[in-house]
Every structure is written in C-alpha cells, then in structure tokens.
Amino acid sequence: MDLHLNDKRALITGASRGLGYATARLLALEGAAVAINARNPEKLETAAAAIRAATSAKAIALPGDVTDPALPASLVARTVDEFGGLDILITNAGGPPTGSFESFDDAAWQRAIESSFTSHVRLIRAALPHLRQSSAASVLTITSISVKQPIANLILSNTVRAATAALTKSLSQELGREGIRFNSILPGLTETERLTTLMNEQATRSGHTLEEEAKLRAANIPLGRIGIPEEFANAAVFLVSPAASYINGVMLQVDGGSYAGLF
C-alpha cells in the first residue's frame, strides 16, 4: 500500500528513542524528510544518523527541551527553514513520574502540565501557519491508554494526558474544515525505557524480579505479550499519512486489546 509519504516533511518530538524514534524511522523509510527532537543532543544525533544510514531520506536533529516555552516555535521554524515547509507534526513527550495523589505538590503538577499538555499546545500553535499551506496536513499527539483506563500510581499521567486527548479531539472539530487532521494514539504497554523504569519500580515494591513483573503485565493483555515500538509506529505512520485522509478525531488504542471498554 502506498502511503503517499514521499517528500512529505515531518517534525517529531521525543524521538531519540522508543515510540518517537520508531515512528520517525518508519516515516523516513516511507520517503518523508524528518526533523527529530529530544533533550539529549548526543543521543539525538545518534538517532538521526541511524535514520540517515537506514534510509535515503533527510533526517535532522533539533535538540532541546519542549517544556522551554520558546523551543516549540524554534523547532517548527528550523524545520521549515530546512525542509521548505511542514506537513506532519507528531507531538510526544516523556511521561510524568509515578506516585499517588498526595505525593505531589503544586510544582510537580505544573511540571507535568508543561511536559504532557502545554508542550503539545505550543507545538501545534507554532505549526498551524505552515500546516495551513500543506495539502496533506496532519497532527498526531501521543498520549497513553491511561486516557481511557487510568493506571495505578500514575495520577499525573492519567490526569494531564487526558487534557491532551481533549485538545486533539477539539482541534479535529475546529480545524478539520481547513483540511488539517488531528488524531491521537493511546499506547498500551510497549517495550520502551519508560516501561522498563516503571516495571523496575513496581518490582521493587512487590519483591518481584523485572522478568516476573513483565510476565505479570503481559498476562493481562489479550494478545499475551507486550508490544514493540515498531508496532506502534506502523499505526502512527498510517494515521499521519495521506492514505488516512478521511480519519480525523480518532483516539486510537495500540495496546494489544488490554483496554476493556467498548468506546
């Protein structure tokens, strides 16, 4: 199936590893030029170099912390300067720390909001003038299955990521008539460094080994296993591509069927 991504121009944040990196790599394999962002310059350039080595596409590294209020506009401007425009924006940020409601003060809540909500707002705001000039404009926010099914000990993520899902759905209604599509993916358990960190923390609390904790989590997934980033990327790249041109306002679970609800 031709996804019609050849020569499309994409900006992906949180893309030096995990879900963001897998998505950027697959976009490049499909012929898109990709600008990737993450906080660590060395890891980010290594990721960009790996994408360039594996594909014939252009891949550039734009380091920086998306919680810096000035950075989102800078990322968009540098991407447009490099590629001559922007067709695809994928907003992704690291998840807030684990903990119960009473373990977080106002400062912790504000940091979570800046990382997992406001960064999406600023990136989308900066990208809109350029997306309006694209014939295949698409925005994908990466949130979490916790938007639909809260996860124990992740009060910050459960709450703040839901705001990003609501933003995405609202913008799909507000800007759909301008030809700009907005969708979100709600990933479930996927083999990333964040999941390993979360499982290590739970294993310490429960007295399990990391392997035992992974088996316990996989047992609750109908497919019987934890996903891999490439499986997430397959869904993400399709959603942002022109091949998905009539898909707008979708909150898509990529979770192996672990979400038990109907809607």
Protein backbone atom coordinates (compact mmCIF):
# COMPACT_ATOMS: atom_id res chain seq x y z
CA MET A 1 0.00 0.00 0.00
CA ASP A 2 1.39 3.38 -1.00
CA LEU A 3 1.05 5.78 1.94
CA HIS A 4 1.94 8.75 -0.31
CA LEU A 5 4.56 9.99 2.15
CA ASN A 6 7.34 10.55 -0.34
CA ASP A 7 8.73 14.10 0.06
CA LYS A 8 6.41 14.91 2.97
CA ARG A 9 8.01 16.92 5.79
CA ALA A 10 7.63 15.87 9.41
CA LEU A 11 8.62 17.11 12.86
CA ILE A 12 8.60 14.52 15.65
CA THR A 13 9.39 15.37 19.27
CA GLY A 14 10.59 12.91 21.88
CA ALA A 15 12.22 10.96 19.07
CA SER A 16 15.71 9.92 20.15
CA ARG A 17 14.37 6.52 21.26
CA GLY A 18 11.23 4.48 21.86
CA LEU A 19 7.94 5.33 20.17
CA GLY A 20 9.09 8.63 18.69
CA TYR A 21 12.23 7.18 17.16
CA ALA A 22 10.46 4.15 15.69
CA THR A 23 7.87 6.46 14.13
CA ALA A 24 10.48 8.85 12.70
CA ARG A 25 12.46 5.95 11.24
CA LEU A 26 9.41 4.44 9.55
CA LEU A 27 8.38 7.84 8.15
CA ALA A 28 11.85 8.17 6.66
CA LEU A 29 11.66 4.65 5.21
CA GLU A 30 8.42 5.74 3.53
CA GLY A 31 10.22 8.70 1.95
CA ALA A 32 9.45 11.58 4.33
CA ALA A 33 12.04 14.09 5.49
CA VAL A 34 12.13 14.05 9.29
CA ALA A 35 13.24 16.53 11.93
CA ILE A 36 13.58 14.85 15.30
CA ASN A 37 13.77 16.43 18.73
CA ALA A 38 14.79 15.29 22.19
CA ARG A 39 16.67 16.77 25.13
CA ASN A 40 19.98 14.90 24.85
CA PRO A 41 21.99 16.23 21.86
CA GLU A 42 24.33 13.24 21.61
CA LYS A 43 21.59 10.60 21.70
CA LEU A 44 19.50 12.64 19.29
CA GLU A 45 22.28 12.98 16.72
CA THR A 46 22.99 9.25 17.02
CA ALA A 47 19.32 8.60 16.29
CA ALA A 48 19.32 10.95 13.29
CA ALA A 49 22.48 9.34 11.94
CA ALA A 50 20.92 5.88 12.27
CA ILE A 51 17.86 7.04 10.33
CA ARG A 52 20.05 8.53 7.59
CA ALA A 53 22.07 5.31 7.39
CA ALA A 54 18.95 3.14 7.08
CA THR A 55 17.07 5.30 4.58
CA SER A 56 17.57 7.66 1.67
CA ALA A 57 15.58 10.37 3.45
CA LYS A 58 16.78 13.55 5.06
CA ALA A 59 16.90 13.42 8.87
CA ILE A 60 18.00 16.30 11.08
CA ALA A 61 18.47 16.55 14.84
CA LEU A 62 16.97 19.53 16.70
CA PRO A 63 17.87 19.17 20.39
CA GLY A 64 16.07 20.95 23.20
CA ASP A 65 13.53 20.63 25.99
CA VAL A 66 9.95 21.14 24.79
CA THR A 67 8.97 22.46 28.22
CA ASP A 68 11.01 25.57 27.40
CA PRO A 69 8.28 28.00 26.26
CA ALA A 70 10.43 29.31 23.42
CA LEU A 71 11.53 25.97 22.00
CA PRO A 72 8.38 24.74 20.17
CA ALA A 73 8.30 27.78 17.88
CA SER A 74 12.04 27.43 17.28
CA LEU A 75 11.68 23.74 16.37
CA VAL A 76 8.96 24.49 13.85
CA ALA A 77 10.88 27.43 12.34
CA ARG A 78 14.08 25.41 11.97
CA THR A 79 12.19 22.50 10.39
CA VAL A 80 10.51 24.81 7.88
CA ASP A 81 13.80 26.54 7.10
CA GLU A 82 15.45 23.18 6.45
CA PHE A 83 12.66 21.47 4.51
CA GLY A 84 10.77 24.40 3.00
CA GLY A 85 7.53 23.61 4.81
CA LEU A 86 5.76 21.26 7.19
CA ASP A 87 3.14 18.58 6.51
CA ILE A 88 3.20 16.38 9.60
CA LEU A 89 3.57 17.20 13.28
CA ILE A 90 3.89 14.42 15.86
CA THR A 91 3.94 15.65 19.45
CA ASN A 92 5.45 13.34 22.03
CA ALA A 93 6.92 13.98 25.46
CA GLY A 94 8.24 11.87 28.30
CA GLY A 95 5.71 10.80 30.89
CA PRO A 96 5.42 12.35 34.36
CA PRO A 97 6.83 10.48 37.38
CA THR A 98 4.95 7.77 39.23
CA GLY A 99 3.22 8.43 42.54
CA SER A 100 -0.06 8.77 44.36
CA PHE A 101 -2.20 11.91 44.56
CA GLU A 102 -0.86 13.02 47.95
CA SER A 103 2.77 12.57 46.93
CA PHE A 104 2.79 15.55 44.55
CA ASP A 105 2.85 19.25 45.32
CA ASP A 106 1.82 22.13 43.05
CA ALA A 107 5.26 22.31 41.45
CA ALA A 108 5.09 18.64 40.39
CA TRP A 109 1.65 19.17 38.87
CA GLN A 110 2.88 22.22 36.99
CA ARG A 111 5.88 20.32 35.59
CA ALA A 112 3.57 17.54 34.41
CA ILE A 113 1.26 20.05 32.75
CA GLU A 114 4.17 21.77 30.98
CA SER A 115 5.57 18.46 29.71
CA SER A 116 2.46 16.45 28.88
CA PHE A 117 0.00 19.16 27.88
CA THR A 118 1.36 22.65 27.29
CA SER A 119 4.20 21.39 25.08
CA HIS A 120 1.57 19.97 22.69
CA VAL A 121 -0.33 23.27 22.71
CA ARG A 122 2.75 25.32 21.86
CA LEU A 123 3.94 22.97 19.13
CA ILE A 124 0.55 22.91 17.43
CA ARG A 125 0.16 26.69 17.70
CA ALA A 126 3.57 27.25 16.10
CA ALA A 127 2.93 24.69 13.35
CA LEU A 128 -0.53 25.84 12.28
CA PRO A 129 0.52 28.62 9.84
CA HIS A 130 2.70 26.11 7.98
CA LEU A 131 0.24 23.23 8.14
CA ARG A 132 -2.35 25.52 6.54
CA GLN A 133 -0.07 25.70 3.49
CA SER A 134 0.14 21.90 3.18
CA SER A 135 -2.17 19.80 1.04
CA ALA A 136 -1.76 16.86 3.42
CA ALA A 137 -1.60 18.42 6.88
CA SER A 138 -1.76 16.03 9.82
CA VAL A 139 -1.12 16.26 13.55
CA LEU A 140 -0.70 13.25 15.83
CA THR A 141 -0.49 13.59 19.60
CA ILE A 142 0.95 10.67 21.55
CA THR A 143 -0.81 10.19 24.85
CA SER A 144 -1.49 6.94 26.77
CA ILE A 145 -4.09 4.24 27.29
CA SER A 146 -4.46 5.87 30.72
CA VAL A 147 -6.65 8.47 28.98
CA LYS A 148 -9.37 5.82 28.81
CA GLN A 149 -8.33 3.48 31.60
CA PRO A 150 -6.41 5.10 34.48
CA ILE A 151 -3.27 3.28 35.59
CA ALA A 152 -2.48 2.78 39.27
CA ASN A 153 0.21 5.05 40.71
CA LEU A 154 0.22 7.29 37.61
CA ILE A 155 -2.07 10.07 38.80
CA LEU A 156 -0.17 12.79 36.93
CA SER A 157 -0.17 10.94 33.61
CA ASN A 158 -3.79 9.80 33.98
CA THR A 159 -4.96 13.36 34.51
CA VAL A 160 -2.77 15.52 32.31
CA ARG A 161 -2.68 13.28 29.23
CA ALA A 162 -6.49 13.30 29.22
CA ALA A 163 -6.29 17.04 28.60
CA THR A 164 -4.14 16.44 25.53
CA ALA A 165 -6.66 13.94 24.19
CA ALA A 166 -9.44 16.51 24.70
CA LEU A 167 -7.32 19.14 22.93
CA THR A 168 -6.78 16.80 19.99
CA LYS A 169 -10.45 15.97 19.63
CA SER A 170 -11.45 19.63 19.92
CA LEU A 171 -8.97 20.70 17.24
CA SER A 172 -10.17 17.96 14.90
CA GLN A 173 -13.58 19.62 15.03
CA GLU A 174 -12.34 23.21 14.93
CA LEU A 175 -9.77 22.87 12.16
CA GLY A 176 -10.99 19.90 10.16
CA ARG A 177 -12.70 22.22 7.66
CA GLU A 178 -9.29 23.69 6.90
CA GLY A 179 -8.04 20.27 5.86
CA ILE A 180 -5.87 19.71 8.94
CA ARG A 181 -6.41 16.33 10.55
CA PHE A 182 -5.88 15.72 14.27
CA ASN A 183 -5.63 12.26 15.80
CA SER A 184 -4.11 10.71 18.90
CA ILE A 185 -2.63 7.32 19.68
CA LEU A 186 -3.11 5.89 23.16
CA PRO A 187 -0.32 3.33 23.52
CA GLY A 188 -0.57 0.49 25.99
CA LEU A 189 2.37 -1.48 27.34
CA THR A 190 5.23 -1.19 24.86
CA GLU A 191 8.89 -2.12 25.21
CA THR A 192 10.42 1.28 25.93
CA GLU A 193 12.87 2.62 28.51
CA ARG A 194 9.96 4.28 30.33
CA LEU A 195 8.15 0.96 30.70
CA THR A 196 11.32 -0.69 31.99
CA THR A 197 11.64 2.09 34.58
CA LEU A 198 8.01 1.70 35.66
CA MET A 199 8.33 -2.09 35.91
CA ASN A 200 11.54 -1.79 37.92
CA GLU A 201 9.78 0.50 40.38
CA GLN A 202 6.85 -1.90 40.71
CA ALA A 203 9.18 -4.91 41.01
CA THR A 204 10.99 -3.19 43.89
CA ARG A 205 7.69 -2.55 45.68
CA SER A 206 6.36 -6.07 45.14
CA GLY A 207 9.56 -8.05 45.57
CA HIS A 208 9.41 -9.45 42.04
CA THR A 209 12.22 -9.63 39.53
CA LEU A 210 11.92 -7.47 36.42
CA GLU A 211 11.22 -10.60 34.36
CA GLU A 212 8.45 -11.69 36.73
CA GLU A 213 6.90 -8.23 36.59
CA ALA A 214 6.96 -8.28 32.78
CA LYS A 215 5.25 -11.67 32.69
CA LEU A 216 2.55 -10.49 35.09
CA ARG A 217 1.80 -7.47 32.91
CA ALA A 218 1.81 -9.47 29.69
CA ALA A 219 -0.66 -11.95 31.20
CA ASN A 220 -3.27 -9.18 31.40
CA ILE A 221 -3.02 -8.38 27.69
CA PRO A 222 -5.34 -10.39 25.42
CA LEU A 223 -2.55 -10.92 22.88
CA GLY A 224 -0.41 -12.28 25.71
CA ARG A 225 2.62 -10.07 25.20
CA ILE A 226 3.95 -6.52 25.50
CA GLY A 227 4.13 -4.55 22.25
CA ILE A 228 7.21 -3.26 20.50
CA PRO A 229 7.79 0.32 19.24
CA GLU A 230 7.65 -0.74 15.60
CA GLU A 231 4.06 -1.92 16.06
CA PHE A 232 3.14 1.49 17.41
CA ALA A 233 4.99 3.15 14.53
CA ASN A 234 3.02 1.18 11.94
CA ALA A 235 -0.22 2.68 13.25
CA ALA A 236 1.23 6.16 13.73
CA VAL A 237 2.69 6.44 10.24
CA PHE A 238 -0.54 5.28 8.64
CA LEU A 239 -2.60 7.80 10.65
CA VAL A 240 -0.46 10.78 9.64
CA SER A 241 -0.22 9.70 6.01
CA PRO A 242 -2.44 10.86 3.12
CA ALA A 243 -3.65 7.25 2.94
CA ALA A 244 -5.66 8.01 6.10
CA SER A 245 -7.12 11.19 4.63
CA TYR A 246 -10.65 10.59 5.99
CA ILE A 247 -9.58 9.68 9.53
CA ASN A 248 -9.92 12.67 11.84
CA GLY A 249 -10.54 13.00 15.58
CA VAL A 250 -9.65 9.38 16.40
CA MET A 251 -8.27 8.31 19.77
CA LEU A 252 -6.68 5.00 18.75
CA GLN A 253 -5.61 2.39 21.28
CA VAL A 254 -2.49 0.45 20.31
CA ASP A 255 -2.47 -1.85 23.31
CA GLY A 256 -2.93 -5.47 22.28
CA GLY A 257 -6.56 -5.30 23.36
CA SER A 258 -5.88 -4.51 27.01
CA TYR A 259 -8.46 -1.74 27.16
CA ALA A 260 -11.70 -3.46 28.16
CA GLY A 261 -14.23 -0.75 27.30
CA LEU A 262 -16.46 -0.53 24.25
CA PHE A 263 -15.68 3.10 23.38
